[in-house]
N, C-alpha and C. Protein backbone atom coordinates (compact mmCIF):
# COMPACT_ATOMS: atom_id res chain seq x y z
N MET A 1 32.31 35.93 -2.57
CA MET A 1 32.44 33.93 -3.22
C MET A 1 32.15 33.70 -1.86
N ASP A 2 30.92 32.89 -1.68
CA ASP A 2 30.45 32.27 -0.73
C ASP A 2 31.03 31.32 0.05
N SER A 3 31.19 31.51 1.14
CA SER A 3 32.37 30.10 1.83
C SER A 3 31.69 29.22 2.52
N ARG A 4 30.50 29.12 2.47
CA ARG A 4 29.42 27.90 3.53
C ARG A 4 29.85 26.96 1.90
N HIS A 5 29.50 25.38 2.90
CA HIS A 5 29.84 24.50 2.13
C HIS A 5 28.60 24.29 1.10
N PHE A 6 29.31 23.66 0.36
CA PHE A 6 28.10 23.16 -1.22
C PHE A 6 26.24 22.49 -0.64
N LEU A 7 26.47 21.86 0.50
CA LEU A 7 25.18 21.18 1.05
C LEU A 7 24.69 22.39 2.07
N ASP A 8 25.56 23.09 2.31
CA ASP A 8 24.31 24.53 3.68
C ASP A 8 23.84 25.25 1.89
N ARG A 9 23.86 25.19 1.40
CA ARG A 9 23.36 26.33 -0.21
C ARG A 9 22.39 26.38 -0.29
N ASN A 10 21.32 27.30 -0.90
CA ASN A 10 19.77 26.90 -0.58
C ASN A 10 19.23 26.58 -1.77
N GLY A 11 20.31 26.31 -3.27
CA GLY A 11 20.12 25.93 -4.08
C GLY A 11 19.86 23.85 -3.51
N ALA A 12 21.13 23.54 -3.09
CA ALA A 12 21.17 22.56 -2.59
C ALA A 12 19.74 21.93 -2.36
N ARG A 13 19.30 22.53 -1.68
CA ARG A 13 18.56 22.49 -0.18
C ARG A 13 17.11 22.20 -1.05
N PHE A 14 17.37 23.38 -1.81
CA PHE A 14 16.15 23.11 -2.65
C PHE A 14 15.62 22.04 -3.41
N LEU A 15 17.42 21.24 -4.29
CA LEU A 15 17.29 20.16 -4.75
C LEU A 15 16.99 19.09 -4.48
N ALA A 16 17.12 19.28 -2.69
CA ALA A 16 16.87 18.21 -1.62
C ALA A 16 15.71 18.04 -1.78
N GLY A 17 14.62 19.11 -1.32
CA GLY A 17 13.03 18.86 -1.62
C GLY A 17 12.94 18.48 -2.39
N LEU A 18 13.26 19.27 -3.76
CA LEU A 18 12.64 18.74 -5.26
C LEU A 18 12.80 17.18 -4.82
N ILE A 19 13.73 16.52 -4.39
CA ILE A 19 13.72 14.91 -5.04
C ILE A 19 12.56 14.57 -3.90
N CYS A 20 12.76 15.00 -2.95
CA CYS A 20 12.26 13.97 -1.78
C CYS A 20 10.54 14.35 -2.28
N VAL A 21 10.44 15.68 -2.72
CA VAL A 21 8.31 15.94 -3.50
C VAL A 21 8.75 14.48 -4.39
N LEU A 22 9.18 14.35 -5.18
CA LEU A 22 9.23 13.45 -6.34
C LEU A 22 8.96 11.83 -5.90
N ALA A 23 10.05 11.54 -5.32
CA ALA A 23 9.97 10.56 -4.35
C ALA A 23 9.09 10.20 -4.00
N LEU A 24 8.13 10.89 -2.95
CA LEU A 24 7.25 10.57 -1.97
C LEU A 24 5.79 10.83 -3.40
N SER A 25 5.84 11.61 -4.51
CA SER A 25 4.61 11.55 -5.77
C SER A 25 4.89 10.15 -6.15
N GLY A 26 5.89 9.87 -6.69
CA GLY A 26 5.82 8.23 -7.21
C GLY A 26 5.65 7.77 -5.90
N LEU A 27 5.57 7.54 -5.24
CA LEU A 27 5.71 6.00 -4.26
C LEU A 27 3.76 6.06 -3.89
N ALA A 28 3.08 7.61 -3.60
CA ALA A 28 1.98 7.39 -3.66
C ALA A 28 0.99 6.83 -5.01
N LEU A 29 1.60 7.38 -6.17
CA LEU A 29 0.84 6.78 -7.50
C LEU A 29 0.97 5.15 -7.40
N THR A 30 1.86 4.34 -7.13
CA THR A 30 2.76 3.51 -7.01
C THR A 30 1.30 3.15 -6.19
N TRP A 31 1.28 3.17 -4.67
CA TRP A 31 0.28 2.87 -4.20
C TRP A 31 -1.19 2.83 -4.61
N HIS A 32 -1.58 3.90 -5.38
CA HIS A 32 -2.46 4.08 -6.03
C HIS A 32 -2.50 3.22 -6.80
N LYS A 33 -2.04 3.37 -7.84
CA LYS A 33 -2.38 1.89 -9.13
C LYS A 33 -2.14 0.38 -8.65
N GLN A 34 -2.23 -0.04 -7.02
CA GLN A 34 -1.81 -1.14 -6.45
C GLN A 34 -3.45 -1.53 -5.90
N ALA A 35 -4.22 -0.31 -5.86
CA ALA A 35 -4.75 0.02 -4.91
C ALA A 35 -6.66 -0.25 -5.49
N ASN A 36 -6.22 0.02 -7.18
CA ASN A 36 -6.47 0.09 -7.36
C ASN A 36 -6.94 -1.09 -8.93
N THR A 37 -6.36 -2.16 -8.54
CA THR A 37 -6.05 -3.61 -9.29
C THR A 37 -6.65 -4.58 -8.37
N ASP A 38 -7.13 -5.91 -9.49
CA ASP A 38 -7.36 -6.55 -8.58
C ASP A 38 -5.81 -7.85 -8.46
N ALA A 39 -6.63 -9.17 -8.19
CA ALA A 39 -5.53 -10.05 -7.58
C ALA A 39 -4.33 -10.12 -8.73
N ALA A 40 -5.00 -10.30 -10.00
CA ALA A 40 -4.27 -10.34 -11.40
C ALA A 40 -3.70 -9.72 -11.68
N GLY A 41 -4.06 -7.97 -11.25
CA GLY A 41 -3.32 -7.13 -11.46
C GLY A 41 -3.87 -5.96 -12.89
N ARG A 42 -5.15 -6.67 -13.19
CA ARG A 42 -5.71 -6.14 -13.93
C ARG A 42 -6.87 -5.07 -13.16
N PRO A 43 -6.52 -3.63 -13.98
CA PRO A 43 -7.81 -2.92 -13.15
C PRO A 43 -8.81 -2.87 -12.89
N ALA A 44 -9.24 -2.28 -11.95
CA ALA A 44 -10.90 -3.26 -11.37
C ALA A 44 -11.48 -2.98 -11.67
N ALA A 45 -12.01 -1.80 -12.34
CA ALA A 45 -13.07 -1.32 -13.24
C ALA A 45 -13.46 -2.64 -13.91
N VAL A 46 -12.63 -3.27 -14.51
CA VAL A 46 -12.38 -4.16 -16.53
C VAL A 46 -12.36 -5.27 -15.31
N SER A 47 -12.22 -5.91 -14.34
CA SER A 47 -12.18 -6.76 -13.75
C SER A 47 -13.53 -7.20 -12.99
N GLY A 48 -14.26 -6.08 -12.77
CA GLY A 48 -15.33 -6.07 -12.46
C GLY A 48 -16.58 -6.59 -12.90
N ALA A 49 -16.41 -5.74 -14.13
CA ALA A 49 -16.99 -5.87 -15.78
C ALA A 49 -17.11 -7.09 -16.09
N GLN A 50 -15.94 -7.69 -16.17
CA GLN A 50 -16.30 -9.06 -16.38
C GLN A 50 -16.82 -9.76 -15.61
N GLY A 51 -16.54 -9.89 -14.46
CA GLY A 51 -17.18 -10.81 -13.50
C GLY A 51 -18.33 -10.69 -13.32
N SER A 52 -19.07 -9.65 -13.88
CA SER A 52 -20.93 -9.66 -13.72
C SER A 52 -21.24 -9.06 -15.27
N GLY A 53 -20.51 -9.75 -16.35
CA GLY A 53 -21.60 -10.24 -17.53
C GLY A 53 -22.25 -11.27 -17.75
N ALA A 54 -23.09 -10.62 -18.96
CA ALA A 54 -23.79 -12.52 -18.93
C ALA A 54 -22.91 -13.20 -20.32
N GLY A 55 -22.04 -12.61 -20.78
CA GLY A 55 -21.15 -13.30 -21.44
C GLY A 55 -19.80 -14.61 -20.60
N SER A 56 -19.24 -13.53 -19.87
CA SER A 56 -18.22 -13.92 -18.66
C SER A 56 -18.71 -15.73 -18.13
N ALA A 57 -17.62 -16.56 -18.35
CA ALA A 57 -17.53 -17.80 -17.66
C ALA A 57 -18.35 -17.90 -16.15
N PRO A 58 -18.42 -18.58 -15.70
CA PRO A 58 -18.69 -18.48 -14.27
C PRO A 58 -17.54 -18.63 -13.45
N ALA A 59 -16.55 -18.49 -12.42
CA ALA A 59 -16.02 -19.25 -11.58
C ALA A 59 -16.00 -20.21 -11.17
N THR A 60 -15.00 -21.33 -11.15
CA THR A 60 -14.64 -22.73 -11.02
C THR A 60 -15.36 -22.59 -8.78
N ASN A 61 -15.43 -21.20 -8.23
CA ASN A 61 -14.67 -21.71 -6.87
C ASN A 61 -16.21 -21.18 -6.18
N PRO A 62 -16.49 -22.43 -5.30
CA PRO A 62 -17.79 -21.57 -5.07
C PRO A 62 -17.57 -20.75 -3.52
N GLU A 63 -15.97 -20.62 -3.50
CA GLU A 63 -15.71 -19.93 -2.02
C GLU A 63 -16.25 -18.63 -2.75
N TYR A 64 -15.18 -18.63 -3.75
CA TYR A 64 -15.24 -16.91 -3.71
C TYR A 64 -16.68 -16.38 -4.31
N GLU A 65 -17.58 -16.91 -5.37
CA GLU A 65 -18.78 -17.09 -5.38
C GLU A 65 -19.26 -16.35 -4.09
N GLU A 66 -19.28 -17.36 -3.22
CA GLU A 66 -20.58 -17.26 -1.79
C GLU A 66 -19.75 -15.85 -1.42
N CYS A 67 -18.39 -15.32 -1.06
CA CYS A 67 -17.90 -14.30 -0.58
C CYS A 67 -18.12 -13.11 -1.22
N ARG A 68 -17.71 -13.02 -3.03
CA ARG A 68 -18.34 -12.19 -3.24
C ARG A 68 -19.48 -11.81 -2.87
N THR A 69 -20.43 -13.12 -3.42
CA THR A 69 -22.44 -12.35 -2.73
C THR A 69 -22.00 -11.72 -1.83
N LYS A 70 -21.60 -12.11 -0.60
CA LYS A 70 -21.86 -11.88 0.60
C LYS A 70 -21.45 -10.24 0.59
N ARG A 71 -20.39 -10.07 0.44
CA ARG A 71 -19.44 -8.32 0.70
C ARG A 71 -20.29 -7.81 -0.67
N GLY A 72 -20.51 -8.06 -1.87
CA GLY A 72 -21.01 -7.22 -2.68
C GLY A 72 -22.50 -7.09 -1.99
N GLY A 73 -23.20 -7.82 -1.47
CA GLY A 73 -24.57 -7.42 -0.77
C GLY A 73 -24.53 -6.55 0.19
N ASP A 74 -23.66 -6.58 1.22
CA ASP A 74 -23.02 -6.01 2.11
C ASP A 74 -22.89 -4.32 1.57
N ILE A 75 -22.52 -4.24 0.80
CA ILE A 75 -21.74 -3.07 0.27
C ILE A 75 -22.66 -2.16 -0.82
N ALA A 76 -23.54 -3.21 -1.00
CA ALA A 76 -25.29 -2.67 -1.70
C ALA A 76 -25.88 -2.25 -0.89
N ASP A 77 -26.45 -2.51 0.39
CA ASP A 77 -26.92 -2.45 1.71
C ASP A 77 -26.37 -1.04 2.14
N MET A 78 -25.58 -0.99 1.95
CA MET A 78 -24.96 0.60 2.59
C MET A 78 -24.65 1.71 1.93
N LEU A 79 -24.90 1.01 0.52
CA LEU A 79 -25.37 1.94 -0.39
C LEU A 79 -26.60 2.34 0.14
N LYS A 80 -27.87 1.18 -0.14
CA LYS A 80 -29.10 1.84 -0.23
C LYS A 80 -29.11 2.14 1.10
N ASP A 81 -28.53 2.27 1.90
CA ASP A 81 -29.12 3.12 3.65
C ASP A 81 -28.37 4.46 3.72
N GLY A 82 -27.63 5.09 2.87
CA GLY A 82 -27.46 6.19 2.49
C GLY A 82 -25.42 6.31 3.50
N VAL A 83 -25.27 4.92 3.56
CA VAL A 83 -24.11 5.37 4.38
C VAL A 83 -22.96 5.94 3.28
N ILE A 84 -23.08 5.51 2.71
CA ILE A 84 -21.43 5.45 1.68
C ILE A 84 -22.85 6.35 0.08
N ASP A 85 -21.53 7.23 -0.47
CA ASP A 85 -22.03 7.90 -1.89
C ASP A 85 -21.62 6.23 -2.80
N GLN A 86 -21.92 6.47 -3.97
CA GLN A 86 -21.34 5.67 -5.54
C GLN A 86 -20.03 5.54 -5.46
N ALA A 87 -19.38 6.20 -5.37
CA ALA A 87 -17.53 6.54 -5.94
C ALA A 87 -17.32 5.33 -4.70
N LYS A 88 -17.78 5.69 -2.96
CA LYS A 88 -17.06 5.19 -2.02
C LYS A 88 -17.72 3.44 -2.23
N HIS A 89 -18.79 3.50 -2.75
CA HIS A 89 -19.34 1.99 -3.56
C HIS A 89 -18.78 1.04 -4.28
N ASP A 90 -18.17 2.11 -5.23
CA ASP A 90 -17.24 1.56 -6.22
C ASP A 90 -16.02 0.75 -6.15
N ASP A 91 -15.61 1.95 -4.99
CA ASP A 91 -13.96 1.37 -4.19
C ASP A 91 -14.08 0.20 -3.43
N PHE A 92 -15.34 0.20 -2.49
CA PHE A 92 -15.12 -0.58 -1.64
C PHE A 92 -15.38 -2.27 -2.19
N LEU A 93 -16.12 -1.81 -3.30
CA LEU A 93 -16.54 -3.68 -4.40
C LEU A 93 -15.66 -4.02 -4.61
N ALA A 94 -14.63 -2.57 -5.42
CA ALA A 94 -13.33 -3.12 -5.94
C ALA A 94 -12.27 -3.93 -4.97
N ASN A 95 -12.25 -3.27 -3.65
CA ASN A 95 -11.40 -3.96 -2.74
C ASN A 95 -12.00 -5.40 -1.87
N ALA A 96 -13.60 -5.46 -1.96
CA ALA A 96 -14.15 -6.19 -1.73
C ALA A 96 -13.63 -7.65 -2.86
N LEU A 97 -14.43 -7.49 -3.85
CA LEU A 97 -13.68 -8.63 -5.08
C LEU A 97 -12.13 -8.56 -4.94
N GLN A 98 -11.40 -8.15 -4.71
CA GLN A 98 -9.78 -8.10 -4.55
C GLN A 98 -9.70 -9.04 -3.25
N THR A 99 -10.24 -9.07 -2.18
CA THR A 99 -9.60 -9.86 -1.01
C THR A 99 -10.36 -10.80 -1.21
N CYS A 100 -11.76 -11.37 -2.15
CA CYS A 100 -12.40 -12.72 -2.60
C CYS A 100 -10.94 -13.13 -3.07
N ALA A 101 -10.69 -12.46 -4.24
CA ALA A 101 -10.48 -13.56 -4.96
C ALA A 101 -8.56 -14.22 -4.55
N GLY A 102 -8.18 -12.94 -3.24
CA GLY A 102 -7.24 -13.54 -3.12
C GLY A 102 -7.49 -14.47 -2.09
N MET A 103 -8.90 -14.82 -1.30
CA MET A 103 -8.58 -15.30 -0.67
C MET A 103 -8.89 -17.03 -0.43
N PHE A 104 -9.78 -16.45 -1.65
CA PHE A 104 -10.45 -17.70 -2.24
C PHE A 104 -9.97 -17.71 -3.97
N PRO A 105 -9.19 -18.10 -4.52
CA PRO A 105 -8.93 -17.58 -6.22
C PRO A 105 -9.78 -18.56 -7.00
N PRO A 106 -10.65 -17.56 -7.79
CA PRO A 106 -11.75 -17.55 -8.37
C PRO A 106 -11.81 -18.98 -9.45
N GLU A 107 -10.51 -18.76 -10.06
CA GLU A 107 -10.56 -20.54 -10.64
C GLU A 107 -9.52 -21.52 -10.16
N GLY A 108 -10.20 -22.96 -9.80
CA GLY A 108 -9.15 -23.70 -8.74
C GLY A 108 -9.91 -23.98 -7.95
């Protein structure tokens, strides 16, 4: 019979490592989900599509529109100049829209 304490055995160490990996994975997924949502909690791809569609209502806050236009133009210039690729462009644009919505709420 093994005289070591339960916490000193290999099975307990493996279980502790497994719990740590699962906890860190859950934390990373939560951060990833929050980074890809807008200020209202909607997915960034959906909110970006709604904001640029022809049938969508214009935002009532002119500061938001100005921020969105300026940041979107800067990011489009970075893509045009080859500084970033299309995937980075989409990420940067989603983050810029989220930042603008946080600083200047679109409605109100």
